[in-house]
Protein backbone atom coordinates (compact mmCIF):
# COMPACT_ATOMS: atom_id res chain seq x y z
CA MET A 1 -14.74 19.09 -11.71
CA ASP A 2 -18.81 19.22 -10.61
CA ASP A 3 -18.46 19.78 -6.50
CA LYS A 4 -21.81 17.55 -5.74
CA LYS A 5 -20.43 14.15 -8.23
CA ALA A 6 -17.56 14.80 -6.19
CA ARG A 7 -19.10 14.82 -2.70
CA LEU A 8 -20.99 12.05 -3.98
CA GLY A 9 -17.68 10.01 -4.91
CA GLN A 10 -16.47 10.60 -1.71
CA LYS A 11 -18.94 8.37 -0.15
CA LEU A 12 -18.73 6.14 -2.67
CA PHE A 13 -14.75 6.22 -2.20
CA PHE A 14 -14.86 5.13 1.27
CA ASP A 15 -18.08 2.60 0.99
CA PRO A 16 -18.31 -1.14 1.43
CA ILE A 17 -20.91 -1.35 -0.73
CA LEU A 18 -19.56 -1.59 -4.04
CA SER A 19 -17.74 -4.53 -2.48
CA GLY A 20 -19.34 -8.39 -2.82
CA ASN A 21 -19.60 -8.86 0.60
CA GLN A 22 -19.71 -5.69 1.75
CA ASN A 23 -16.16 -5.35 3.62
CA ILE A 24 -14.13 -3.51 1.59
CA SER A 25 -13.87 0.09 0.24
CA CYS A 26 -11.34 1.57 -2.40
CA GLY A 27 -10.30 3.49 0.71
CA THR A 28 -9.20 0.69 2.11
CA CYS A 29 -6.11 -0.43 0.04
CA HIS A 30 -5.76 3.65 -1.11
CA SER A 31 -5.84 4.88 2.22
CA PRO A 32 -5.31 8.47 2.49
CA ASN A 33 -3.50 7.74 5.51
CA PHE A 34 -0.93 6.16 3.48
CA GLY A 35 -0.71 8.20 0.75
CA THR A 36 -3.41 6.67 -1.33
CA GLY A 37 -1.29 3.47 -1.21
CA ASP A 38 -1.45 0.83 2.04
CA GLY A 39 2.21 0.91 2.68
CA LEU A 40 2.32 -2.87 2.51
CA SER A 41 4.48 -4.45 -0.99
CA LEU A 42 1.65 -6.38 -1.69
CA GLY A 43 -1.79 -5.70 -0.58
CA ILE A 44 -4.37 -7.95 1.54
CA GLY A 45 -7.41 -7.41 -0.33
CA GLU A 46 -11.44 -9.04 0.57
CA GLY A 47 -11.25 -11.10 3.77
CA GLY A 48 -8.11 -9.06 5.47
CA GLU A 49 -9.14 -6.97 8.75
CA GLY A 50 -7.93 -3.49 9.25
CA VAL A 51 -5.99 -0.89 7.49
CA GLY A 52 -2.25 -0.05 6.41
CA PRO A 53 0.80 -1.68 7.29
CA THR A 54 -1.05 -3.44 10.57
CA ARG A 55 -3.75 -4.86 7.61
CA THR A 56 -4.38 -9.06 8.70
CA ALA A 57 -5.41 -11.24 6.25
CA GLY A 58 -8.59 -12.80 8.11
CA LYS A 59 -9.65 -15.88 9.76
CA ASP A 60 -11.37 -18.80 9.58
CA ASP A 61 -13.18 -19.31 6.13
CA HIS A 62 -13.14 -15.30 5.17
CA ARG A 63 -9.77 -14.93 5.16
CA ILE A 64 -7.53 -14.44 1.98
CA LYS A 65 -7.38 -17.21 -0.21
CA LYS A 66 -4.31 -14.70 -2.40
CA ARG A 67 -2.18 -11.97 -2.01
CA ILE A 68 -2.72 -8.88 -4.28
CA PRO A 69 -0.54 -9.43 -7.06
CA ARG A 70 0.73 -5.73 -7.49
CA ASN A 71 1.29 -3.01 -5.12
CA ALA A 72 -1.10 -0.28 -4.46
CA SER A 73 -0.66 2.29 -6.71
CA ALA A 74 -0.77 6.22 -5.64
CA LEU A 75 -3.75 7.97 -6.84
CA TRP A 76 -2.20 11.27 -7.14
CA ASN A 77 -2.96 13.69 -10.70
CA LEU A 78 -4.48 10.55 -11.89
CA GLY A 79 -7.33 12.93 -13.78
CA ALA A 80 -4.67 14.70 -15.77
CA LYS A 81 -6.06 14.88 -19.36
CA GLU A 82 -2.33 14.03 -20.41
CA ILE A 83 -2.26 10.43 -18.76
CA ASP A 84 -3.62 7.68 -21.08
CA VAL A 85 -2.60 4.60 -20.29
CA LEU A 86 -3.10 3.33 -16.19
CA PHE A 87 -2.35 -0.24 -14.45
CA HIS A 88 0.94 -1.63 -14.03
CA ASP A 89 1.62 -3.57 -17.15
CA GLY A 90 -0.94 -0.93 -19.01
CA ARG A 91 -3.93 -3.36 -19.47
CA LEU A 92 -5.94 0.22 -19.49
CA SER A 93 -4.94 2.53 -22.46
CA LYS A 94 -7.21 4.99 -24.53
CA SER A 95 -8.04 3.14 -27.92
CA ASP A 96 -10.57 2.65 -30.09
CA VAL A 97 -9.49 -0.81 -30.83
CA TYR A 98 -13.42 -1.90 -29.15
CA ASP A 99 -14.98 1.23 -30.49
CA ASN A 100 -15.90 2.43 -27.11
CA GLY A 101 -12.53 4.76 -26.45
CA PHE A 102 -10.82 1.83 -24.41
CA ASP A 103 -8.99 -0.88 -24.56
CA SER A 104 -9.38 -2.32 -21.37
CA PRO A 105 -10.36 -5.87 -19.47
CA ALA A 106 -13.28 -5.41 -20.62
CA GLU A 107 -13.37 -5.40 -24.26
CA GLU A 108 -16.21 -4.71 -26.11
CA TRP A 109 -18.22 -5.03 -22.83
CA LEU A 110 -17.01 -1.96 -21.58
CA PRO A 111 -20.16 0.64 -20.80
CA SER A 112 -21.00 3.94 -22.62
CA GLY A 113 -20.64 7.51 -21.10
CA LEU A 114 -17.76 6.83 -18.93
CA GLY A 115 -16.14 10.44 -18.66
CA ASN A 116 -12.46 9.52 -18.62
CA ILE A 117 -9.93 7.04 -18.24
CA LEU A 118 -10.06 7.38 -14.58
CA ALA A 119 -13.91 6.47 -14.36
CA VAL A 120 -12.91 3.18 -16.30
CA GLN A 121 -10.24 2.69 -14.04
CA ALA A 122 -12.59 2.63 -11.05
CA LEU A 123 -14.73 -0.35 -12.27
CA PHE A 124 -12.56 -2.97 -11.98
CA PRO A 125 -11.15 -4.00 -8.63
CA MET A 126 -14.99 -4.42 -7.65
CA THR A 127 -15.17 -7.15 -10.29
CA SER A 128 -11.96 -8.60 -8.78
CA GLN A 129 -12.24 -11.52 -6.97
CA PHE A 130 -8.98 -10.57 -4.73
CA GLU A 131 -9.42 -7.40 -4.46
CA MET A 132 -13.25 -6.44 -3.67
CA ALA A 133 -15.63 -9.34 -5.09
CA GLY A 134 -15.22 -12.06 -2.90
CA ASN A 135 -14.79 -15.66 -4.12
CA PRO A 136 -17.27 -17.74 -5.97
CA ARG A 137 -20.61 -18.70 -4.06
CA GLU A 138 -20.02 -16.23 -1.33
CA ASN A 139 -22.01 -13.49 -2.87
CA GLN A 140 -24.09 -12.44 -5.90
CA VAL A 141 -21.01 -10.36 -7.32
CA ALA A 142 -18.58 -13.11 -7.11
CA GLY A 143 -20.78 -15.59 -8.99
CA ALA A 144 -21.29 -12.91 -11.70
CA ALA A 145 -17.61 -11.76 -12.37
CA HIS A 146 -17.15 -15.76 -13.12
CA ASP A 147 -19.63 -15.54 -15.86
CA ARG A 148 -18.70 -11.77 -17.28
CA ILE A 149 -16.98 -9.23 -16.37
CA ASP A 150 -20.24 -6.80 -17.40
CA ASN A 151 -22.62 -9.17 -14.92
CA VAL A 152 -21.39 -7.44 -11.82
CA TRP A 153 -22.22 -3.52 -12.52
CA PRO A 154 -25.73 -3.98 -12.95
CA ILE A 155 -25.69 -5.94 -9.30
CA LEU A 156 -23.31 -3.01 -7.59
CA ALA A 157 -25.23 -0.35 -9.45
CA LYS A 158 -28.69 -1.67 -8.48
CA ARG A 159 -27.29 -2.36 -4.28
CA VAL A 160 -26.80 1.53 -4.55
CA ARG A 161 -29.72 2.93 -6.30
CA ILE A 162 -32.01 1.12 -3.72
CA ASN A 163 -30.52 3.05 -0.46
CA LEU A 164 -32.64 6.56 -0.32
CA GLU A 165 -30.01 8.45 0.10
CA TYR A 166 -27.48 7.28 -2.20
CA GLY A 167 -30.71 7.74 -4.48
CA ARG A 168 -31.36 11.39 -3.76
CA LEU A 169 -28.08 12.31 -4.33
CA PHE A 170 -27.49 10.92 -7.64
CA VAL A 171 -30.35 12.82 -8.60
CA ASN A 172 -28.91 15.94 -7.50
CA ALA A 173 -25.74 15.56 -9.22
CA PHE A 174 -26.62 13.88 -12.31
CA GLU A 175 -28.43 16.24 -15.08
CA ASP A 176 -29.91 12.59 -16.60
CA VAL A 177 -30.62 10.99 -13.45
CA LYS A 178 -34.86 11.85 -13.20
CA ALA A 179 -35.02 9.23 -10.62
CA PRO A 180 -33.11 6.50 -8.88
CA THR A 181 -33.88 3.99 -11.44
CA ASP A 182 -31.78 5.58 -13.61
CA VAL A 183 -28.55 4.97 -11.83
CA THR A 184 -25.83 2.87 -13.87
CA ILE A 185 -22.54 1.90 -13.20
CA VAL A 186 -21.73 4.41 -15.09
CA HIS A 187 -22.96 7.28 -13.16
CA ILE A 188 -21.18 5.56 -10.26
CA ALA A 189 -17.42 5.08 -11.79
CA ASN A 190 -17.91 9.61 -13.25
CA ALA A 191 -18.71 10.02 -9.16
CA LEU A 192 -15.87 7.86 -8.35
CA SER A 193 -13.45 9.84 -10.92
CA SER A 194 -14.62 13.13 -10.22
CA PHE A 195 -13.77 12.88 -6.48
CA GLN A 196 -10.33 11.42 -7.11
CA ASN A 197 -9.41 14.32 -9.69
CA PHE A 198 -10.85 16.68 -7.54
CA GLU A 199 -9.12 14.82 -3.84
CA TRP A 200 -5.77 14.05 -4.89
CA GLN A 201 -4.61 17.07 -7.24
CA SER A 202 -0.99 17.71 -6.04
CA PHE A 203 1.38 20.76 -7.51
CA ASP A 204 2.11 22.49 -4.35
CA SER A 205 5.61 21.12 -3.41
CA PRO A 206 8.24 23.22 -2.73
CA PHE A 207 10.05 21.92 -5.94
CA ASP A 208 6.64 23.81 -7.49
CA ARG A 209 7.75 27.40 -5.88
CA TYR A 210 11.23 26.74 -6.98
CA LEU A 211 10.31 26.58 -10.79
CA MET A 212 8.01 29.68 -10.17
CA GLY A 213 10.91 31.70 -9.14
CA ASP A 214 11.29 31.16 -5.29
CA ARG A 215 15.00 29.81 -5.26
CA SER A 216 14.81 29.63 -1.18
CA ALA A 217 12.04 26.69 -2.00
CA LEU A 218 14.75 24.04 -2.37
CA THR A 219 17.89 23.66 0.25
CA VAL A 220 21.21 23.33 -1.39
CA GLN A 221 21.44 19.48 -1.20
CA GLN A 222 17.78 19.69 -2.95
CA ILE A 223 19.16 21.58 -5.84
CA ALA A 224 22.28 19.42 -6.10
CA GLY A 225 20.08 16.80 -6.10
CA LYS A 226 17.91 17.90 -8.86
CA ASP A 227 20.94 18.53 -11.07
CA LEU A 228 21.60 15.16 -10.70
CA PHE A 229 17.76 14.32 -11.51
CA PHE A 230 17.93 16.24 -14.39
CA GLY A 231 21.34 15.26 -15.53
CA GLU A 232 24.15 12.82 -14.89
CA ALA A 233 21.64 10.27 -12.81
CA GLN A 234 19.27 9.99 -16.19
CA CYS A 235 16.10 10.13 -13.77
CA ALA A 236 14.30 12.39 -16.50
CA ASN A 237 14.87 10.15 -18.98
CA CYS A 238 11.44 8.11 -18.10
CA HIS A 239 10.76 10.02 -15.59
CA SER A 240 9.59 13.12 -17.47
CA GLY A 241 7.18 16.23 -17.70
CA LYS A 242 4.87 17.82 -14.97
CA LEU A 243 3.93 14.55 -13.65
CA PHE A 244 7.38 13.27 -13.80
CA SER A 245 6.47 10.27 -15.58
CA ASP A 246 6.66 9.35 -19.67
CA GLN A 247 3.73 6.84 -19.10
CA LYS A 248 5.97 4.09 -20.94
CA PHE A 249 7.05 0.85 -20.19
CA HIS A 250 10.83 -0.22 -18.90
CA ALA A 251 12.85 -3.47 -17.59
CA LEU A 252 14.61 -3.12 -14.23
CA ALA A 253 14.91 -6.63 -12.86
CA LEU A 254 12.97 -6.06 -9.95
CA PRO A 255 12.77 -9.04 -7.66
CA HIS A 256 9.90 -10.88 -7.95
CA PHE A 257 7.27 -12.22 -5.47
CA GLY A 258 3.80 -13.02 -5.11
CA PRO A 259 1.46 -14.50 -7.27
CA GLY A 260 2.27 -12.07 -9.95
CA ARG A 261 0.22 -11.55 -13.11
CA THR A 262 0.77 -13.20 -16.41
CA ARG A 263 -0.84 -14.21 -19.52
CA LEU A 264 -3.93 -16.32 -20.05
CA PHE A 265 -3.00 -20.24 -19.91
CA ASP A 266 0.24 -19.41 -18.68
CA PRO A 267 1.47 -21.90 -16.65
CA TYR A 268 4.47 -19.87 -14.45
CA VAL A 269 3.66 -18.10 -11.10
CA ARG A 270 5.25 -15.17 -12.15
CA ASP A 271 4.42 -11.22 -13.61
CA VAL A 272 5.47 -10.38 -17.31
CA GLY A 273 4.51 -7.14 -17.02
CA HIS A 274 2.96 -5.33 -19.87
CA MET A 275 3.80 -8.05 -22.05
CA GLY A 276 0.40 -9.83 -19.94
CA GLU A 277 -1.17 -6.93 -22.13
CA SER A 278 0.56 -6.94 -25.80
CA ASP A 279 1.07 -10.22 -25.96
CA ARG A 280 5.00 -9.39 -27.61
CA LEU A 281 8.18 -11.04 -25.78
CA GLU A 282 10.03 -7.64 -26.09
CA ASP A 283 7.31 -6.33 -23.44
CA ALA A 284 8.69 -9.30 -21.37
CA TYR A 285 9.07 -7.85 -17.46
CA ARG A 286 8.13 -3.74 -18.30
CA PHE A 287 6.33 -1.80 -16.37
CA ARG A 288 4.64 1.34 -16.73
CA THR A 289 6.82 4.29 -15.41
CA PRO A 290 5.40 5.30 -12.42
CA GLN A 291 4.83 8.98 -11.41
CA LEU A 292 6.90 10.56 -8.74
CA ARG A 293 4.93 13.46 -7.49
CA ASN A 294 4.51 12.63 -3.34
CA VAL A 295 6.27 9.78 -4.22
CA GLU A 296 7.78 10.06 -0.39
CA LEU A 297 4.67 9.07 1.07
CA SER A 298 4.09 6.04 -1.32
CA GLY A 299 6.03 3.21 -0.52
CA PRO A 300 6.65 0.56 -1.01
CA TYR A 301 8.55 1.02 -4.46
CA GLY A 302 8.07 -1.28 -7.44
CA HIS A 303 5.43 -2.80 -9.50
CA ASN A 304 5.05 -5.45 -6.32
CA GLY A 305 7.15 -2.92 -3.85
CA PRO A 306 10.02 -4.64 -3.29
CA TYR A 307 11.86 -1.99 -1.76
CA ALA A 308 10.53 -0.41 1.67
CA THR A 309 12.31 3.05 1.04
CA LEU A 310 13.56 5.65 -1.57
CA GLU A 311 17.13 5.08 -1.03
CA GLY A 312 16.74 1.34 -1.44
CA ILE A 313 14.95 1.99 -5.44
CA VAL A 314 17.30 4.71 -6.15
CA ARG A 315 20.30 2.89 -5.63
CA HIS A 316 18.52 -0.72 -7.70
CA HIS A 317 18.32 2.16 -10.39
CA LEU A 318 21.46 3.17 -10.05
CA ASP A 319 22.55 -0.81 -10.44
CA PRO A 320 20.28 -3.11 -11.71
CA LEU A 321 21.63 -6.08 -11.48
CA GLY A 322 23.39 -5.30 -8.41
CA GLY A 323 20.26 -4.71 -7.01
CA TRP A 324 18.71 -8.04 -8.02
CA ASN A 325 21.61 -10.12 -6.78
CA SER A 326 21.66 -8.52 -3.16
CA TRP A 327 17.87 -8.51 -2.78
CA LYS A 328 16.51 -10.56 0.34
CA PRO A 329 12.79 -11.61 0.65
CA GLU A 330 13.03 -10.00 4.34
CA GLN A 331 12.99 -6.04 2.41
CA ALA A 332 9.40 -7.06 1.61
CA ASN A 333 6.85 -5.55 3.64
CA LEU A 334 4.64 -8.87 3.42
CA PRO A 335 2.06 -9.64 6.41
CA ALA A 336 2.41 -12.71 7.60
CA VAL A 337 0.05 -15.05 6.21
CA PRO A 338 1.23 -18.97 6.50
CA TRP A 339 -0.79 -20.12 4.38
CA LEU A 340 0.20 -18.58 1.37
CA ALA A 341 4.23 -18.95 2.88
CA SER A 342 4.90 -21.47 0.69
CA VAL A 343 3.93 -19.92 -2.65
CA ASP A 344 5.43 -16.17 -2.07
CA PHE A 345 8.85 -17.18 -3.48
CA VAL A 346 8.21 -19.77 -5.89
CA ALA A 347 9.18 -17.27 -8.55
CA PHE A 348 12.11 -15.87 -7.28
CA GLU A 349 13.71 -19.39 -5.99
CA ASP A 350 13.19 -20.45 -9.81
CA GLN A 351 16.46 -20.43 -11.17
CA ARG A 352 14.78 -20.00 -14.88
CA GLU A 353 12.92 -17.40 -14.28
CA ARG A 354 15.49 -15.90 -12.38
CA GLN A 355 17.74 -15.71 -15.60
CA ARG A 356 14.65 -14.73 -17.61
CA LEU A 357 14.12 -11.51 -15.52
CA LYS A 358 16.88 -10.24 -15.20
CA SER A 359 18.19 -10.78 -18.57
CA LYS A 360 15.59 -7.86 -19.77
CA ILE A 361 17.03 -4.45 -18.34
CA ASP A 362 16.65 -1.33 -19.90
CA ILE A 363 19.03 0.98 -17.97
CA GLN A 364 22.52 1.37 -17.70
CA PRO A 365 24.34 1.26 -14.16
CA ILE A 366 25.59 4.83 -12.82
CA ASP A 367 28.00 4.97 -10.35
CA LEU A 368 26.75 7.52 -7.95
CA ASP A 369 28.65 7.55 -4.23
CA ASP A 370 26.71 8.01 -1.11
CA ILE A 371 26.37 11.95 -1.05
CA GLU A 372 25.35 12.25 -4.48
CA VAL A 373 22.14 9.54 -3.55
CA ASP A 374 21.39 11.68 -0.37
CA ALA A 375 20.87 14.03 -2.57
CA LEU A 376 19.09 12.46 -4.87
CA VAL A 377 16.57 11.34 -2.65
CA ALA A 378 16.65 14.77 -1.03
CA PHE A 379 15.13 16.31 -4.10
CA LEU A 380 12.68 13.33 -4.58
CA LYS A 381 11.63 14.39 -0.90
CA SER A 382 11.32 18.28 -2.67
CA LEU A 383 8.30 17.10 -4.92
CA THR A 384 5.79 16.30 -1.71
CA GLY A 385 2.83 19.01 -1.92
CA THR A 386 2.31 20.44 1.26
CA ASP A 387 -1.55 21.41 1.78
CA SER A 388 -2.79 19.25 -1.06
CA VAL A 389 -1.52 15.91 0.78
CA LYS A 390 -4.25 16.60 3.31
CA GLY A 391 -7.07 15.90 0.78
CA ARG A 392 -9.85 18.22 0.13
CA LEU A 393 -13.22 16.84 1.16
CA GLY A 394 -11.35 14.11 3.35
CA LYS A 395 -12.71 10.56 4.82
CA PRO A 396 -16.31 10.67 6.01
CA ASP A 397 -17.29 9.59 9.17
CA THR A 398 -20.11 7.45 8.29
CA VAL A 399 -21.32 6.89 4.33
CA PRO A 400 -25.41 6.05 3.05
CA SER A 401 -24.83 2.31 3.59
CA GLY A 402 -24.36 2.67 7.13
CA LEU A 403 -21.22 0.16 6.82
CA ALA A 404 -18.35 0.75 9.15
CA VAL A 405 -15.72 2.99 7.09
CA ASP A 406 -11.76 1.69 7.57
């Protein structure tokens, strides 16, 4: 981690300058106030107003046209070198398929020089119509995104480097930037990565202290939950390693709602998970195993956030089919969007899609009583960091663009 790059990335992360209409930043949907998420099942992106669970869908011509298809992932420890795949469906991974080190939505148009997979990930929200780019004809960025994905990044890089303060900061932070005119989207992405990697490292939980020999760090209930997690409950079969994720994909029959993401030209409103990336039928409805550090802070849970509580998602894991059959739409934390209400649960109400989805379950039911479930939840809460959850640099009061910080 380079201090100058991290401090520059902090400003960029919270600056709406990287969005098409300059009205939303990375920090809008990944807020430190909500566990680096937004507290919503499905986010309100470009065009919305406010931050967190009270964010609204906007109004008049600027209102949102679509909900964000997936839950906003937490950002804890995403700079870890063990991570080789990102996004719920794995559409970004380390690979040589395009001779640039990554298999990504940019394919062969991904720029060279990106420092790691987290820097690559930072590029794509900027190109998404409903996340940060905006709608066609609203701005130059949105128009470029509908032409070719890599046409977006030179526009944003120019917007940043002509700002006098940003120009100075880039010259100070990067050895290969001799003048502001040298700044490219690669420098911006690498700065964003440096900030995220520095800001949200978390390895100071009670469980960590327990592992280091402090047997008083966990309560009796949390120790019982730990034993279940690594034993009878079989949680560690997938939530393994120091990040508590095998970085693989599994189907849990989580109830589907919202627009979802599927394969190009798929006529259904649904979310096919990893199959959308791999195009293999066996990957249908499988999603990446989430990391569990600070999981207490990052609800709602699941790739589309159907469960608001840890207890809810734990019980679904123990009985996926039972959870599927008993789930109700009102359990989703979705801000009211009257003009989208008629399509929010189209896939959930589609009987054929319901049968397809619940026919794909990769885990077996496990019978635990209420006391054991409570113990599992207590253990998961022991994975919450202490000082680290406050961040290191925090959120700036102002940013070089002069735009409002959410």
